[in-house]
Structures are given as C-alpha cells and as structure tokens.
Amino acid sequence: MGSYILCLVTIDDLAKAAEIAEVLVEKGLAACVNIVPEIQSIYRWKGKICNDTERLMIIKTRKSLFEELEKTVKNMHPYEVPEIISVEIDRGLSEYLRWIDDSTEPHP
C-alpha cells in the first residue's frame, strides 16, 4: 500500500464543487470526495478581512497523485488562488486504504 493524503479545497459554488469532485473521481485522481455544504470562512484577501460562506471538499487520494490533482482542481476552480492543501494520513483501516489504492489511477 502507498502513502495517502486528504486534500482540502474550499469553493463558493456547490454545483462547481460537485463538478470538480466528479472529474477527480472519474480521472482516478481521488477515491472519494466529501462535500461539506456550508462552512464559514474568515480570511484576509488583498488587505481586507473577508467573511464568506463556502463549501469544503475533502478529497481522499494517494500522495503520488497530488500534483495532477492540484493541476486539475486549479484549472477548474473559479478562485484566483484556490485553497488546495494536503494532509498526510498517518494511519487508517487497512481495508479502506487498500480501497483508495484500488480506486485511483495509475495503480502503484
């Protein structure tokens, strides 16, 4: 089994989040994408404090696929600078991690 990550992406449009998620799964870049329908984001952008409602995409994949996943999300995302970050999965149910391997391409 390989090395696994969660990728976090915020976006303002639920339909666009679903579109990106479907492309990632179809291309084998993600095994699963959860979309949390509403989060409140408070952040600094271009010198102003912003307070917006966004959606959070939680993407399960292999570490080796991050660069292609990042490129795909960035090309589809409406933000000038989208949040695309990864967090390593330290441990997980072996059957679930194997499913991530089986659900993503190219296979290790």
Protein backbone atom coordinates (compact mmCIF):
# COMPACT_ATOMS: atom_id res chain seq x y z
CA MET A 1 0.00 0.00 0.00
CA GLY A 2 1.09 3.54 -0.75
CA SER A 3 1.17 6.85 1.07
CA TYR A 4 -2.19 8.57 1.47
CA ILE A 5 -3.41 12.14 1.86
CA LEU A 6 -6.52 14.19 2.46
CA CYS A 7 -6.75 17.25 0.23
CA LEU A 8 -8.81 20.19 1.40
CA VAL A 9 -10.31 22.58 -1.12
CA THR A 10 -12.71 25.43 -0.38
CA ILE A 11 -15.08 26.82 -3.00
CA ASP A 12 -18.11 29.11 -3.05
CA ASP A 13 -20.28 27.17 -5.52
CA LEU A 14 -21.81 23.81 -4.56
CA ALA A 15 -22.51 22.79 -8.17
CA LYS A 16 -18.90 23.57 -9.15
CA ALA A 17 -17.66 21.55 -6.15
CA ALA A 18 -19.70 18.57 -7.35
CA GLU A 19 -18.38 19.01 -10.91
CA ILE A 20 -14.77 19.07 -9.72
CA ALA A 21 -15.39 16.06 -7.45
CA GLU A 22 -16.86 14.03 -10.29
CA VAL A 23 -13.92 14.82 -12.59
CA LEU A 24 -11.39 13.86 -9.89
CA VAL A 25 -13.10 10.51 -9.26
CA GLU A 26 -13.66 9.83 -12.98
CA LYS A 27 -9.98 10.52 -13.76
CA GLY A 28 -8.87 8.24 -10.90
CA LEU A 29 -7.23 11.14 -9.05
CA ALA A 30 -9.45 10.64 -5.99
CA ALA A 31 -11.13 7.64 -4.44
CA CYS A 32 -13.78 9.80 -2.77
CA VAL A 33 -14.69 13.45 -2.33
CA ASN A 34 -16.90 14.59 0.54
CA ILE A 35 -18.51 18.00 0.13
CA VAL A 36 -19.41 19.78 3.35
CA PRO A 37 -22.20 22.06 2.12
CA GLU A 38 -21.60 25.09 4.30
CA ILE A 39 -18.68 26.47 6.25
CA GLN A 40 -17.92 30.00 7.36
CA SER A 41 -14.52 31.25 6.21
CA ILE A 42 -12.90 34.34 7.72
CA TYR A 43 -9.69 35.31 5.98
CA ARG A 44 -7.53 38.17 4.74
CA TRP A 45 -7.54 38.78 0.98
CA LYS A 46 -5.88 41.74 -0.74
CA GLY A 47 -5.66 43.69 2.51
CA LYS A 48 -9.30 43.18 3.57
CA ILE A 49 -10.84 40.86 6.14
CA CYS A 50 -13.46 38.73 4.40
CA ASN A 51 -16.25 36.67 5.94
CA ASP A 52 -17.84 34.28 3.43
CA THR A 53 -19.87 31.11 3.18
CA GLU A 54 -18.02 28.38 1.33
CA ARG A 55 -18.13 24.66 0.73
CA LEU A 56 -15.34 22.32 1.84
CA MET A 57 -14.18 19.48 -0.35
CA ILE A 58 -12.43 16.65 1.50
CA ILE A 59 -10.58 14.53 -1.05
CA LYS A 60 -9.10 11.11 -0.30
CA THR A 61 -6.24 10.05 -2.55
CA ARG A 62 -2.67 8.85 -2.79
CA LYS A 63 0.23 11.24 -2.20
CA SER A 64 1.73 10.39 -5.59
CA LEU A 65 -1.36 11.84 -7.32
CA PHE A 66 -1.25 15.26 -5.61
CA GLU A 67 0.44 17.20 -8.42
CA GLU A 68 -2.05 16.03 -11.07
CA LEU A 69 -4.97 16.55 -8.67
CA GLU A 70 -3.71 20.07 -7.88
CA LYS A 71 -3.41 20.90 -11.58
CA THR A 72 -6.92 19.60 -12.33
CA VAL A 73 -8.53 21.48 -9.44
CA LYS A 74 -6.67 24.71 -10.23
CA ASN A 75 -7.76 24.57 -13.89
CA MET A 76 -11.43 24.09 -12.93
CA HIS A 77 -11.60 26.32 -9.84
CA PRO A 78 -13.09 29.84 -10.13
CA TYR A 79 -10.82 31.44 -7.48
CA GLU A 80 -7.71 33.40 -8.40
CA VAL A 81 -5.80 31.49 -5.69
CA PRO A 82 -7.76 28.42 -4.57
CA GLU A 83 -7.02 26.63 -1.33
CA ILE A 84 -5.55 23.28 -2.33
CA ILE A 85 -3.69 21.72 0.56
CA SER A 86 -2.88 18.19 1.61
CA VAL A 87 -2.58 16.49 4.96
CA GLU A 88 -0.90 13.12 5.27
CA ILE A 89 -2.97 10.25 6.55
CA ASP A 90 -0.83 8.82 9.34
CA ARG A 91 -2.93 5.70 9.92
CA GLY A 92 -6.15 4.18 8.67
CA LEU A 93 -8.14 0.99 8.37
CA SER A 94 -6.07 -1.19 6.03
CA GLU A 95 -9.13 -2.23 4.01
CA TYR A 96 -10.05 1.43 3.47
CA LEU A 97 -6.52 2.36 2.42
CA ARG A 98 -6.48 -0.60 0.01
CA TRP A 99 -9.77 0.71 -1.42
CA ILE A 100 -8.07 4.09 -2.07
CA ASP A 101 -5.35 2.20 -3.96
CA ASP A 102 -7.91 0.24 -5.95
CA SER A 103 -9.98 3.34 -6.75
CA THR A 104 -7.22 5.60 -8.02
CA GLU A 105 -5.04 5.52 -11.14
CA PRO A 106 -2.39 4.79 -12.02
CA HIS A 107 -2.13 1.90 -9.65
CA PRO A 108 1.06 1.78 -7.57
